[in-house]
C-alpha cells in the first residue's frame, strides 16, 4: 500500500503537467476554389471585425507551407477573423471567421480563397 500511494501521485502529477503543456492552437488549411491546397498564402488573424476590415492589429500572421497549411499556437479561446490572400485571390466574401476555438485543444479549419 505504501508503494502504491507514491506511484499514484507521480501518475497524477504527470497527467496534470501534460494537460498544462497543451496550448490553444489553430491549424488552417487553405484551398482554392477547386479544392487544391495552396502554398504561399499570406494569412492573418484578427480578434474583431473592425481590425479585420481595416487590416490592422493582427494577432498572428504567417504564410502557408507546401501543403497549404499554417499553424498558430498559444491563442485565446475565441473566434478569429481570418484574412487569407495570395495574388488576386482571397477569402473575402465567405468563411472569414473561425468558430470559437476550444481552449487547450488543437483546433482545425479550412479556408477557401477564390
PDB file of N, CA and C in Angstrom:
ATOM      1  N   UNK A   1       0.827  -1.195   0.000  1.00  0.00           N
ATOM      2  CA  UNK A   1       0.000   0.000   0.000  1.00  0.00           C
ATOM      3  C   UNK A   1       0.869   1.255   0.000  1.00  0.00           C
ATOM      4  N   UNK A   2       1.982   1.231   0.769  1.00  0.00           N
ATOM      5  CA  UNK A   2       2.855   2.397   0.838  1.00  0.00           C
ATOM      6  C   UNK A   2       3.507   2.690  -0.511  1.00  0.00           C
ATOM      7  N   UNK A   3       3.731   1.656  -1.324  1.00  0.00           N
ATOM      8  CA  UNK A   3       4.345   1.852  -2.639  1.00  0.00           C
ATOM      9  C   UNK A   3       3.341   2.375  -3.660  1.00  0.00           C
ATOM     10  N   UNK A   4       2.081   2.077  -3.489  1.00  0.00           N
ATOM     11  CA  UNK A   4       1.051   2.495  -4.444  1.00  0.00           C
ATOM     12  C   UNK A   4       0.791   3.988  -4.351  1.00  0.00           C
ATOM     13  N   UNK A   5       0.770   4.544  -3.171  1.00  0.00           N
ATOM     14  CA  UNK A   5       0.463   5.971  -2.999  1.00  0.00           C
ATOM     15  C   UNK A   5       1.463   6.851  -3.742  1.00  0.00           C
ATOM     16  N   UNK A   6       2.776   6.653  -3.595  1.00  0.00           N
ATOM     17  CA  UNK A   6       3.706   7.486  -4.381  1.00  0.00           C
ATOM     18  C   UNK A   6       3.544   7.279  -5.888  1.00  0.00           C
ATOM     19  N   UNK A   7       3.256   6.063  -6.308  1.00  0.00           N
ATOM     20  CA  UNK A   7       3.065   5.794  -7.722  1.00  0.00           C
ATOM     21  C   UNK A   7       1.850   6.549  -8.254  1.00  0.00           C
ATOM     22  N   UNK A   8       0.763   6.541  -7.516  1.00  0.00           N
ATOM     23  CA  UNK A   8      -0.444   7.268  -7.915  1.00  0.00           C
ATOM     24  C   UNK A   8      -0.155   8.759  -7.983  1.00  0.00           C
ATOM     25  N   UNK A   9       0.604   9.273  -7.029  1.00  0.00           N
ATOM     26  CA  UNK A   9       0.948  10.700  -7.017  1.00  0.00           C
ATOM     27  C   UNK A   9       1.778  11.068  -8.241  1.00  0.00           C
ATOM     28  N   UNK A  10       2.724  10.243  -8.615  1.00  0.00           N
ATOM     29  CA  UNK A  10       3.561  10.509  -9.780  1.00  0.00           C
ATOM     30  C   UNK A  10       2.716  10.499 -11.055  1.00  0.00           C
ATOM     31  N   UNK A  11       1.826   9.543 -11.191  1.00  0.00           N
ATOM     32  CA  UNK A  11       0.956   9.463 -12.372  1.00  0.00           C
ATOM     33  C   UNK A  11       0.064  10.696 -12.446  1.00  0.00           C
ATOM     34  N   UNK A  12      -0.528  11.097 -11.331  1.00  0.00           N
ATOM     35  CA  UNK A  12      -1.394  12.271 -11.290  1.00  0.00           C
ATOM     36  C   UNK A  12      -0.631  13.533 -11.687  1.00  0.00           C
ATOM     37  N   UNK A  13       0.567  13.707 -11.150  1.00  0.00           N
ATOM     38  CA  UNK A  13       1.373  14.882 -11.483  1.00  0.00           C
ATOM     39  C   UNK A  13       1.778  14.879 -12.955  1.00  0.00           C
ATOM     40  N   UNK A  14       2.058  13.727 -13.505  1.00  0.00           N
ATOM     41  CA  UNK A  14       2.420  13.636 -14.926  1.00  0.00           C
ATOM     42  C   UNK A  14       1.247  14.036 -15.813  1.00  0.00           C
ATOM     43  N   UNK A  15       0.071  13.560 -15.478  1.00  0.00           N
ATOM     44  CA  UNK A  15      -1.122  13.902 -16.255  1.00  0.00           C
ATOM     45  C   UNK A  15      -1.415  15.384 -16.152  1.00  0.00           C
ATOM     46  N   UNK A  16      -1.322  15.944 -14.955  1.00  0.00           N
ATOM     47  CA  UNK A  16      -1.576  17.368 -14.747  1.00  0.00           C
ATOM     48  C   UNK A  16      -0.563  18.216 -15.514  1.00  0.00           C
ATOM     49  N   UNK A  17       0.702  17.861 -15.467  1.00  0.00           N
ATOM     50  CA  UNK A  17       1.740  18.620 -16.175  1.00  0.00           C
ATOM     51  C   UNK A  17       1.512  18.553 -17.682  1.00  0.00           C
ATOM     52  N   UNK A  18       1.136  17.393 -18.200  1.00  0.00           N
ATOM     53  CA  UNK A  18       0.890  17.257 -19.633  1.00  0.00           C
ATOM     54  C   UNK A  18      -0.293  18.118 -20.072  1.00  0.00           C
ATOM     55  N   UNK A  19      -1.341  18.140 -19.284  1.00  0.00           N
ATOM     56  CA  UNK A  19      -2.522  18.939 -19.625  1.00  0.00           C
ATOM     57  C   UNK A  19      -2.188  20.427 -19.665  1.00  0.00           C
ATOM     58  N   UNK A  20      -1.272  20.863 -18.820  1.00  0.00           N
ATOM     59  CA  UNK A  20      -0.900  22.267 -18.798  1.00  0.00           C
ATOM     60  C   UNK A  20       0.008  22.638 -19.969  1.00  0.00           C
ATOM     61  N   UNK A  21       0.648  21.684 -20.581  1.00  0.00           N
ATOM     62  CA  UNK A  21       1.538  21.958 -21.702  1.00  0.00           C
ATOM     63  C   UNK A  21       0.779  22.233 -22.994  1.00  0.00           C
ATOM     64  N   UNK A  22      -0.430  21.709 -23.104  1.00  0.00           N
ATOM     65  CA  UNK A  22      -1.211  21.908 -24.321  1.00  0.00           C
ATOM     66  C   UNK A  22      -1.765  23.322 -24.321  1.00  0.00           C
ATOM     67  N   UNK A  23      -1.462  24.043 -25.361  1.00  0.00           N
ATOM     68  CA  UNK A  23      -1.948  25.412 -25.506  1.00  0.00           C
ATOM     69  C   UNK A  23      -2.986  25.447 -26.618  1.00  0.00           C
ATOM     70  N   UNK A  24      -3.828  26.444 -26.576  1.00  0.00           N
ATOM     71  CA  UNK A  24      -4.843  26.595 -27.611  1.00  0.00           C
ATOM     72  C   UNK A  24      -4.150  26.925 -28.922  1.00  0.00           C
ATOM     73  N   UNK A  25      -4.397  26.109 -29.934  1.00  0.00           N
ATOM     74  CA  UNK A  25      -3.755  26.329 -31.228  1.00  0.00           C
ATOM     75  C   UNK A  25      -4.781  26.195 -32.351  1.00  0.00           C
ATOM     76  N   UNK A  26      -4.394  26.682 -33.513  1.00  0.00           N
ATOM     77  CA  UNK A  26      -5.257  26.630 -34.688  1.00  0.00           C
ATOM     78  C   UNK A  26      -4.418  26.235 -35.892  1.00  0.00           C
ATOM     79  N   UNK A  27      -4.849  25.207 -36.581  1.00  0.00           N
ATOM     80  CA  UNK A  27      -4.228  24.790 -37.833  1.00  0.00           C
ATOM     81  C   UNK A  27      -5.208  25.091 -38.953  1.00  0.00           C
ATOM     82  N   UNK A  28      -4.783  25.927 -39.887  1.00  0.00           N
ATOM     83  CA  UNK A  28      -5.613  26.286 -41.028  1.00  0.00           C
ATOM     84  C   UNK A  28      -5.061  25.641 -42.290  1.00  0.00           C
ATOM     85  N   UNK A  29      -5.945  25.082 -43.091  1.00  0.00           N
ATOM     86  CA  UNK A  29      -5.594  24.581 -44.411  1.00  0.00           C
ATOM     87  C   UNK A  29      -6.251  25.511 -45.414  1.00  0.00           C
ATOM     88  N   UNK A  30      -5.468  26.041 -46.347  1.00  0.00           N
ATOM     89  CA  UNK A  30      -6.009  26.956 -47.349  1.00  0.00           C
ATOM     90  C   UNK A  30      -6.126  26.207 -48.675  1.00  0.00           C
ATOM     91  N   UNK A  31      -7.341  26.291 -49.250  1.00  0.00           N
ATOM     92  CA  UNK A  31      -7.636  25.626 -50.517  1.00  0.00           C
ATOM     93  C   UNK A  31      -8.142  26.654 -51.526  1.00  0.00           C
ATOM     94  N   UNK A  32      -7.973  26.329 -52.810  1.00  0.00           N
ATOM     95  CA  UNK A  32      -8.540  27.192 -53.851  1.00  0.00           C
ATOM     96  C   UNK A  32      -9.956  26.722 -54.177  1.00  0.00           C
ATOM     97  N   UNK A  33     -10.598  27.377 -55.147  1.00  0.00           N
ATOM     98  CA  UNK A  33     -11.991  27.063 -55.479  1.00  0.00           C
ATOM     99  C   UNK A  33     -12.170  25.650 -56.032  1.00  0.00           C
ATOM    100  N   UNK A  34     -11.081  25.016 -56.461  1.00  0.00           N
ATOM    101  CA  UNK A  34     -11.142  23.644 -56.964  1.00  0.00           C
ATOM    102  C   UNK A  34     -10.869  22.613 -55.869  1.00  0.00           C
ATOM    103  N   UNK A  35     -10.510  23.084 -54.678  1.00  0.00           N
ATOM    104  CA  UNK A  35     -10.232  22.176 -53.567  1.00  0.00           C
ATOM    105  C   UNK A  35      -8.772  21.823 -53.401  1.00  0.00           C
ATOM    106  N   UNK A  36      -7.902  22.404 -54.230  1.00  0.00           N
ATOM    107  CA  UNK A  36      -6.465  22.141 -54.117  1.00  0.00           C
ATOM    108  C   UNK A  36      -5.864  22.990 -53.002  1.00  0.00           C
ATOM    109  N   UNK A  37      -4.916  22.434 -52.258  1.00  0.00           N
ATOM    110  CA  UNK A  37      -4.234  23.223 -51.243  1.00  0.00           C
ATOM    111  C   UNK A  37      -3.330  24.239 -51.929  1.00  0.00           C
ATOM    112  N   UNK A  38      -3.109  25.374 -51.259  1.00  0.00           N
ATOM    113  CA  UNK A  38      -2.360  26.467 -51.876  1.00  0.00           C
ATOM    114  C   UNK A  38      -1.173  26.850 -50.991  1.00  0.00           C
ATOM    115  N   UNK A  39       0.007  26.780 -51.567  1.00  0.00           N
ATOM    116  CA  UNK A  39       1.242  27.169 -50.886  1.00  0.00           C
ATOM    117  C   UNK A  39       1.451  28.682 -51.011  1.00  0.00           C
ATOM    118  N   UNK A  40       2.083  29.282 -49.999  1.00  0.00           N
ATOM    119  CA  UNK A  40       2.484  30.680 -50.081  1.00  0.00           C
ATOM    120  C   UNK A  40       1.375  31.693 -49.875  1.00  0.00           C
ATOM    121  N   UNK A  41       0.305  31.287 -49.196  1.00  0.00           N
ATOM    122  CA  UNK A  41      -0.798  32.205 -48.911  1.00  0.00           C
ATOM    123  C   UNK A  41      -0.482  32.991 -47.643  1.00  0.00           C
ATOM    124  N   UNK A  42      -0.631  34.292 -47.708  1.00  0.00           N
ATOM    125  CA  UNK A  42      -0.461  35.152 -46.532  1.00  0.00           C
ATOM    126  C   UNK A  42      -1.737  35.060 -45.696  1.00  0.00           C
ATOM    127  N   UNK A  43      -1.600  34.681 -44.423  1.00  0.00           N
ATOM    128  CA  UNK A  43      -2.753  34.507 -43.542  1.00  0.00           C
ATOM    129  C   UNK A  43      -2.573  35.385 -42.309  1.00  0.00           C
ATOM    130  N   UNK A  44      -3.631  36.135 -41.965  1.00  0.00           N
ATOM    131  CA  UNK A  44      -3.619  36.999 -40.778  1.00  0.00           C
ATOM    132  C   UNK A  44      -4.846  36.713 -39.937  1.00  0.00           C
ATOM    133  N   UNK A  45      -4.667  36.705 -38.614  1.00  0.00           N
ATOM    134  CA  UNK A  45      -5.772  36.527 -37.672  1.00  0.00           C
ATOM    135  C   UNK A  45      -6.056  37.839 -36.961  1.00  0.00           C
ATOM    136  N   UNK A  46      -7.338  38.154 -36.795  1.00  0.00           N
ATOM    137  CA  UNK A  46      -7.777  39.363 -36.098  1.00  0.00           C
ATOM    138  C   UNK A  46      -8.799  38.985 -35.035  1.00  0.00           C
ATOM    139  N   UNK A  47      -8.787  39.713 -33.913  1.00  0.00           N
ATOM    140  CA  UNK A  47      -9.725  39.419 -32.832  1.00  0.00           C
ATOM    141  C   UNK A  47     -11.105  40.016 -33.052  1.00  0.00           C
ATOM    142  N   UNK A  48     -11.211  41.066 -33.862  1.00  0.00           N
ATOM    143  CA  UNK A  48     -12.523  41.691 -34.047  1.00  0.00           C
ATOM    144  C   UNK A  48     -12.701  42.125 -35.504  1.00  0.00           C
ATOM    145  N   UNK A  49     -13.957  42.365 -35.847  1.00  0.00           N
ATOM    146  CA  UNK A  49     -14.300  42.683 -37.232  1.00  0.00           C
ATOM    147  C   UNK A  49     -13.739  44.032 -37.687  1.00  0.00           C
ATOM    148  N   UNK A  50     -13.687  45.001 -36.776  1.00  0.00           N
ATOM    149  CA  UNK A  50     -13.160  46.321 -37.145  1.00  0.00           C
ATOM    150  C   UNK A  50     -11.696  46.222 -37.574  1.00  0.00           C
ATOM    151  N   UNK A  51     -10.886  45.492 -36.823  1.00  0.00           N
ATOM    152  CA  UNK A  51      -9.478  45.319 -37.186  1.00  0.00           C
ATOM    153  C   UNK A  51      -9.345  44.511 -38.480  1.00  0.00           C
ATOM    154  N   UNK A  52     -10.199  43.511 -38.643  1.00  0.00           N
ATOM    155  CA  UNK A  52     -10.198  42.702 -39.862  1.00  0.00           C
ATOM    156  C   UNK A  52     -10.498  43.578 -41.078  1.00  0.00           C
ATOM    157  N   UNK A  53     -11.535  44.404 -40.966  1.00  0.00           N
ATOM    158  CA  UNK A  53     -11.937  45.270 -42.075  1.00  0.00           C
ATOM    159  C   UNK A  53     -10.846  46.278 -42.421  1.00  0.00           C
ATOM    160  N   UNK A  54     -10.202  46.840 -41.373  1.00  0.00           N
ATOM    161  CA  UNK A  54      -9.144  47.830 -41.582  1.00  0.00           C
ATOM    162  C   UNK A  54      -7.789  47.174 -41.874  1.00  0.00           C
ATOM    163  N   UNK A  55      -7.716  45.857 -41.705  1.00  0.00           N
ATOM    164  CA  UNK A  55      -6.476  45.102 -41.877  1.00  0.00           C
ATOM    165  C   UNK A  55      -5.342  45.669 -41.015  1.00  0.00           C
ATOM    166  N   UNK A  56      -5.640  45.848 -39.719  1.00  0.00           N
ATOM    167  CA  UNK A  56      -4.629  46.324 -38.771  1.00  0.00           C
ATOM    168  C   UNK A  56      -4.761  45.549 -37.462  1.00  0.00           C
ATOM    169  N   UNK A  57      -3.722  45.599 -36.667  1.00  0.00           N
ATOM    170  CA  UNK A  57      -3.682  44.951 -35.347  1.00  0.00           C
ATOM    171  C   UNK A  57      -3.886  43.437 -35.416  1.00  0.00           C
ATOM    172  N   UNK A  58      -3.252  42.782 -36.381  1.00  0.00           N
ATOM    173  CA  UNK A  58      -3.398  41.329 -36.435  1.00  0.00           C
ATOM    174  C   UNK A  58      -2.781  40.690 -35.200  1.00  0.00           C
ATOM    175  N   UNK A  59      -3.399  39.623 -34.748  1.00  0.00           N
ATOM    176  CA  UNK A  59      -2.941  38.881 -33.575  1.00  0.00           C
ATOM    177  C   UNK A  59      -1.783  37.967 -33.954  1.00  0.00           C
ATOM    178  N   UNK A  60      -1.886  37.382 -35.136  1.00  0.00           N
ATOM    179  CA  UNK A  60      -0.855  36.470 -35.631  1.00  0.00           C
ATOM    180  C   UNK A  60      -0.911  36.484 -37.152  1.00  0.00           C
ATOM    181  N   UNK A  61       0.214  36.168 -37.768  1.00  0.00           N
ATOM    182  CA  UNK A  61       0.257  36.103 -39.226  1.00  0.00           C
ATOM    183  C   UNK A  61       1.356  35.149 -39.661  1.00  0.00           C
ATOM    184  N   UNK A  62       1.264  34.727 -40.903  1.00  0.00           N
ATOM    185  CA  UNK A  62       2.272  33.838 -41.449  1.00  0.00           C
ATOM    186  C   UNK A  62       1.892  33.438 -42.862  1.00  0.00           C
ATOM    187  N   UNK A  63       2.617  32.461 -43.389  1.00  0.00           N
ATOM    188  CA  UNK A  63       2.431  32.001 -44.758  1.00  0.00           C
ATOM    189  C   UNK A  63       2.267  30.485 -44.768  1.00  0.00           C
ATOM    190  N   UNK A  64       1.366  29.997 -45.629  1.00  0.00           N
ATOM    191  CA  UNK A  64       1.144  28.558 -45.693  1.00  0.00           C
ATOM    192  C   UNK A  64       2.364  27.830 -46.260  1.00  0.00           C
ATOM    193  N   UNK A  65       2.530  26.587 -45.814  1.00  0.00           N
ATOM    194  CA  UNK A  65       3.656  25.774 -46.264  1.00  0.00           C
ATOM    195  C   UNK A  65       3.316  25.076 -47.590  1.00  0.00           C
ATOM    196  N   UNK A  66       4.158  24.151 -47.999  1.00  0.00           N
ATOM    197  CA  UNK A  66       3.981  23.454 -49.279  1.00  0.00           C
ATOM    198  C   UNK A  66       2.681  22.660 -49.347  1.00  0.00           C
ATOM    199  N   UNK A  67       2.112  22.321 -48.195  1.00  0.00           N
ATOM    200  CA  UNK A  67       0.853  21.571 -48.159  1.00  0.00           C
ATOM    201  C   UNK A  67      -0.353  22.480 -47.946  1.00  0.00           C
ATOM    202  N   UNK A  68      -0.137  23.808 -47.991  1.00  0.00           N
ATOM    203  CA  UNK A  68      -1.236  24.750 -47.800  1.00  0.00           C
ATOM    204  C   UNK A  68      -1.667  24.902 -46.362  1.00  0.00           C
ATOM    205  N   UNK A  69      -0.782  24.585 -45.436  1.00  0.00           N
ATOM    206  CA  UNK A  69      -1.115  24.578 -44.009  1.00  0.00           C
ATOM    207  C   UNK A  69      -0.315  25.633 -43.265  1.00  0.00           C
ATOM    208  N   UNK A  70      -0.969  26.251 -42.284  1.00  0.00           N
ATOM    209  CA  UNK A  70      -0.301  27.169 -41.373  1.00  0.00           C
ATOM    210  C   UNK A  70      -0.804  26.887 -39.965  1.00  0.00           C
ATOM    211  N   UNK A  71       0.099  26.958 -38.982  1.00  0.00           N
ATOM    212  CA  UNK A  71      -0.253  26.675 -37.591  1.00  0.00           C
ATOM    213  C   UNK A  71       0.005  27.907 -36.731  1.00  0.00           C
ATOM    214  N   UNK A  72      -0.980  28.200 -35.900  1.00  0.00           N
ATOM    215  CA  UNK A  72      -0.855  29.283 -34.926  1.00  0.00           C
ATOM    216  C   UNK A  72      -0.956  28.667 -33.539  1.00  0.00           C
ATOM    217  N   UNK A  73      -0.046  29.053 -32.647  1.00  0.00           N
ATOM    218  CA  UNK A  73      -0.008  28.480 -31.302  1.00  0.00           C
ATOM    219  C   UNK A  73      -0.256  29.550 -30.256  1.00  0.00           C
ATOM    220  N   UNK A  74      -0.657  29.099 -29.087  1.00  0.00           N
ATOM    221  CA  UNK A  74      -0.831  29.954 -27.918  1.00  0.00           C
ATOM    222  C   UNK A  74      -1.837  31.083 -28.175  1.00  0.00           C
ATOM    223  N   UNK A  75      -3.018  30.714 -28.656  1.00  0.00           N
ATOM    224  CA  UNK A  75      -4.074  31.679 -28.952  1.00  0.00           C
ATOM    225  C   UNK A  75      -5.102  31.719 -27.821  1.00  0.00           C
ATOM    226  N   UNK A  76      -5.898  32.770 -27.806  1.00  0.00           N
ATOM    227  CA  UNK A  76      -7.035  32.836 -26.895  1.00  0.00           C
ATOM    228  C   UNK A  76      -8.133  31.924 -27.442  1.00  0.00           C
ATOM    229  N   UNK A  77      -8.969  31.431 -26.556  1.00  0.00           N
ATOM    230  CA  UNK A  77     -10.080  30.567 -26.964  1.00  0.00           C
ATOM    231  C   UNK A  77     -11.275  31.429 -27.371  1.00  0.00           C
ATOM    232  N   UNK A  78     -11.144  32.093 -28.527  1.00  0.00           N
ATOM    233  CA  UNK A  78     -12.195  32.954 -29.070  1.00  0.00           C
ATOM    234  C   UNK A  78     -12.332  32.646 -30.561  1.00  0.00           C
ATOM    235  N   UNK A  79     -13.324  33.248 -31.191  1.00  0.00           N
ATOM    236  CA  UNK A  79     -13.449  33.159 -32.651  1.00  0.00           C
ATOM    237  C   UNK A  79     -12.570  34.246 -33.271  1.00  0.00           C
ATOM    238  N   UNK A  80     -11.863  33.916 -34.336  1.00  0.00           N
ATOM    239  CA  UNK A  80     -10.976  34.863 -35.004  1.00  0.00           C
ATOM    240  C   UNK A  80     -11.479  35.175 -36.408  1.00  0.00           C
ATOM    241  N   UNK A  81     -11.216  36.386 -36.853  1.00  0.00           N
ATOM    242  CA  UNK A  81     -11.447  36.758 -38.237  1.00  0.00           C
ATOM    243  C   UNK A  81     -10.167  36.428 -38.997  1.00  0.00           C
ATOM    244  N   UNK A  82     -10.304  35.777 -40.141  1.00  0.00           N
ATOM    245  CA  UNK A  82      -9.153  35.301 -40.909  1.00  0.00           C
ATOM    246  C   UNK A  82      -9.128  35.992 -42.265  1.00  0.00           C
ATOM    247  N   UNK A  83      -7.963  36.523 -42.600  1.00  0.00           N
ATOM    248  CA  UNK A  83      -7.751  37.094 -43.927  1.00  0.00           C
ATOM    249  C   UNK A  83      -6.658  36.270 -44.601  1.00  0.00           C
ATOM    250  N   UNK A  84      -7.007  35.600 -45.689  1.00  0.00           N
ATOM    251  CA  UNK A  84      -6.058  34.784 -46.444  1.00  0.00           C
ATOM    252  C   UNK A  84      -5.982  35.351 -47.854  1.00  0.00           C
ATOM    253  N   UNK A  85      -4.756  35.623 -48.302  1.00  0.00           N
ATOM    254  CA  UNK A  85      -4.604  36.279 -49.607  1.00  0.00           C
ATOM    255  C   UNK A  85      -3.327  35.796 -50.305  1.00  0.00           C
ATOM    256  N   UNK A  86      -3.478  35.539 -51.612  1.00  0.00           N
ATOM    257  CA  UNK A  86      -2.327  35.256 -52.471  1.00  0.00           C
ATOM    258  C   UNK A  86      -2.653  35.825 -53.841  1.00  0.00           C
ATOM    259  N   UNK A  87      -1.863  36.790 -54.258  1.00  0.00           N
ATOM    260  CA  UNK A  87      -2.107  37.435 -55.547  1.00  0.00           C
ATOM    261  C   UNK A  87      -3.480  38.087 -55.559  1.00  0.00           C
ATOM    262  N   UNK A  88      -4.288  37.754 -56.566  1.00  0.00           N
ATOM    263  CA  UNK A  88      -5.625  38.337 -56.658  1.00  0.00           C
ATOM    264  C   UNK A  88      -6.696  37.456 -56.019  1.00  0.00           C
ATOM    265  N   UNK A  89      -6.307  36.400 -55.313  1.00  0.00           N
ATOM    266  CA  UNK A  89      -7.257  35.512 -54.648  1.00  0.00           C
ATOM    267  C   UNK A  89      -7.260  35.759 -53.143  1.00  0.00           C
ATOM    268  N   UNK A  90      -8.466  35.742 -52.553  1.00  0.00           N
ATOM    269  CA  UNK A  90      -8.584  35.874 -51.103  1.00  0.00           C
ATOM    270  C   UNK A  90      -9.857  35.178 -50.636  1.00  0.00           C
ATOM    271  N   UNK A  91     -10.120  35.232 -49.347  1.00  0.00           N
ATOM    272  CA  UNK A  91     -11.300  34.575 -48.777  1.00  0.00           C
ATOM    273  C   UNK A  91     -12.410  35.569 -48.436  1.00  0.00           C
ATOM    274  N   UNK A  92     -12.303  36.793 -48.895  1.00  0.00           N
ATOM    275  CA  UNK A  92     -13.324  37.795 -48.604  1.00  0.00           C
ATOM    276  C   UNK A  92     -14.621  37.389 -49.292  1.00  0.00           C
ATOM    277  N   UNK A  93     -15.700  37.459 -48.541  1.00  0.00           N
ATOM    278  CA  UNK A  93     -17.000  37.098 -49.079  1.00  0.00           C
ATOM    279  C   UNK A  93     -17.484  35.734 -48.627  1.00  0.00           C
ATOM    280  N   UNK A  94     -16.728  35.068 -47.794  1.00  0.00           N
ATOM    281  CA  UNK A  94     -17.157  33.767 -47.283  1.00  0.00           C
ATOM    282  C   UNK A  94     -16.084  33.130 -46.441  1.00  0.00           C
ATOM    283  N   UNK A  95     -16.444  32.637 -45.273  1.00  0.00           N
ATOM    284  CA  UNK A  95     -15.500  31.924 -44.421  1.00  0.00           C
ATOM    285  C   UNK A  95     -14.469  32.798 -43.763  1.00  0.00           C
ATOM    286  N   UNK A  96     -14.842  34.036 -43.448  1.00  0.00           N
ATOM    287  CA  UNK A  96     -13.863  34.942 -42.858  1.00  0.00           C
ATOM    288  C   UNK A  96     -13.634  34.712 -41.366  1.00  0.00           C
ATOM    289  N   UNK A  97     -14.542  34.018 -40.694  1.00  0.00           N
ATOM    290  CA  UNK A  97     -14.418  33.863 -39.249  1.00  0.00           C
ATOM    291  C   UNK A  97     -14.370  32.388 -38.864  1.00  0.00           C
ATOM    292  N   UNK A  98     -13.478  32.078 -37.911  1.00  0.00           N
ATOM    293  CA  UNK A  98     -13.418  30.721 -37.372  1.00  0.00           C
ATOM    294  C   UNK A  98     -14.540  30.577 -36.358  1.00  0.00           C
ATOM    295  N   UNK A  99     -14.872  29.383 -36.018  1.00  0.00           N
ATOM    296  CA  UNK A  99     -15.738  29.169 -34.869  1.00  0.00           C
ATOM    297  C   UNK A  99     -14.918  29.453 -33.619  1.00  0.00           C
ATOM    298  N   UNK A 100     -15.562  29.501 -32.475  1.00  0.00           N
ATOM    299  CA  UNK A 100     -14.837  29.730 -31.222  1.00  0.00           C
ATOM    300  C   UNK A 100     -13.877  28.559 -31.004  1.00  0.00           C
ATOM    301  N   UNK A 101     -12.615  28.880 -30.777  1.00  0.00           N
ATOM    302  CA  UNK A 101     -11.620  27.845 -30.548  1.00  0.00           C
ATOM    303  C   UNK A 101     -11.844  27.198 -29.193  1.00  0.00           C
ATOM    304  N   UNK A 102     -11.584  25.910 -29.121  1.00  0.00           N
ATOM    305  CA  UNK A 102     -11.670  25.204 -27.849  1.00  0.00           C
ATOM    306  C   UNK A 102     -10.363  25.400 -27.100  1.00  0.00           C
ATOM    307  N   UNK A 103     -10.481  25.769 -25.849  1.00  0.00           N
ATOM    308  CA  UNK A 103      -9.308  26.046 -25.026  1.00  0.00           C
ATOM    309  C   UNK A 103      -8.473  24.783 -24.818  1.00  0.00           C
ATOM    310  N   UNK A 104      -7.151  24.949 -24.891  1.00  0.00           N
ATOM    311  CA  UNK A 104      -6.176  23.872 -24.695  1.00  0.00           C
ATOM    312  C   UNK A 104      -6.435  22.686 -25.621  1.00  0.00           C
ATOM    313  N   UNK A 105      -6.787  23.008 -26.874  1.00  0.00           N
ATOM    314  CA  UNK A 105      -7.031  21.992 -27.891  1.00  0.00           C
ATOM    315  C   UNK A 105      -6.319  22.381 -29.178  1.00  0.00           C
ATOM    316  N   UNK A 106      -6.131  21.372 -30.038  1.00  0.00           N
ATOM    317  CA  UNK A 106      -5.597  21.599 -31.370  1.00  0.00           C
ATOM    318  C   UNK A 106      -6.802  21.790 -32.301  1.00  0.00           C
ATOM    319  N   UNK A 107      -7.165  23.030 -32.581  1.00  0.00           N
ATOM    320  CA  UNK A 107      -8.305  23.352 -33.426  1.00  0.00           C
ATOM    321  C   UNK A 107      -7.891  23.350 -34.891  1.00  0.00           C
ATOM    322  N   UNK A 108      -8.840  22.997 -35.788  1.00  0.00           N
ATOM    323  CA  UNK A 108      -8.560  22.952 -37.223  1.00  0.00           C
ATOM    324  C   UNK A 108      -9.677  23.613 -37.992  1.00  0.00           C
ATOM    325  N   UNK A 109      -9.331  24.232 -39.119  1.00  0.00           N
ATOM    326  CA  UNK A 109     -10.315  24.840 -40.003  1.00  0.00           C
ATOM    327  C   UNK A 109      -9.739  24.887 -41.414  1.00  0.00           C
ATOM    328  N   UNK A 110     -10.638  25.044 -42.382  1.00  0.00           N
ATOM    329  CA  UNK A 110     -10.243  25.176 -43.775  1.00  0.00           C
ATOM    330  C   UNK A 110     -10.751  26.514 -44.305  1.00  0.00           C
ATOM    331  N   UNK A 111      -9.894  27.217 -45.035  1.00  0.00           N
ATOM    332  CA  UNK A 111     -10.230  28.487 -45.641  1.00  0.00           C
ATOM    333  C   UNK A 111     -10.137  28.317 -47.155  1.00  0.00           C
ATOM    334  N   UNK A 112     -11.120  28.854 -47.870  1.00  0.00           N
ATOM    335  CA  UNK A 112     -11.114  28.783 -49.330  1.00  0.00           C
ATOM    336  C   UNK A 112     -10.854  30.182 -49.890  1.00  0.00           C
ATOM    337  N   UNK A 113      -9.865  30.266 -50.788  1.00  0.00           N
ATOM    338  CA  UNK A 113      -9.609  31.523 -51.474  1.00  0.00           C
ATOM    339  C   UNK A 113     -10.053  31.379 -52.925  1.00  0.00           C
ATOM    340  N   UNK A 114     -10.573  32.487 -53.459  1.00  0.00           N
ATOM    341  CA  UNK A 114     -11.015  32.470 -54.857  1.00  0.00           C
ATOM    342  C   UNK A 114     -10.925  33.836 -55.466  1.00  0.00           C
TER     343      UNK A 114
END
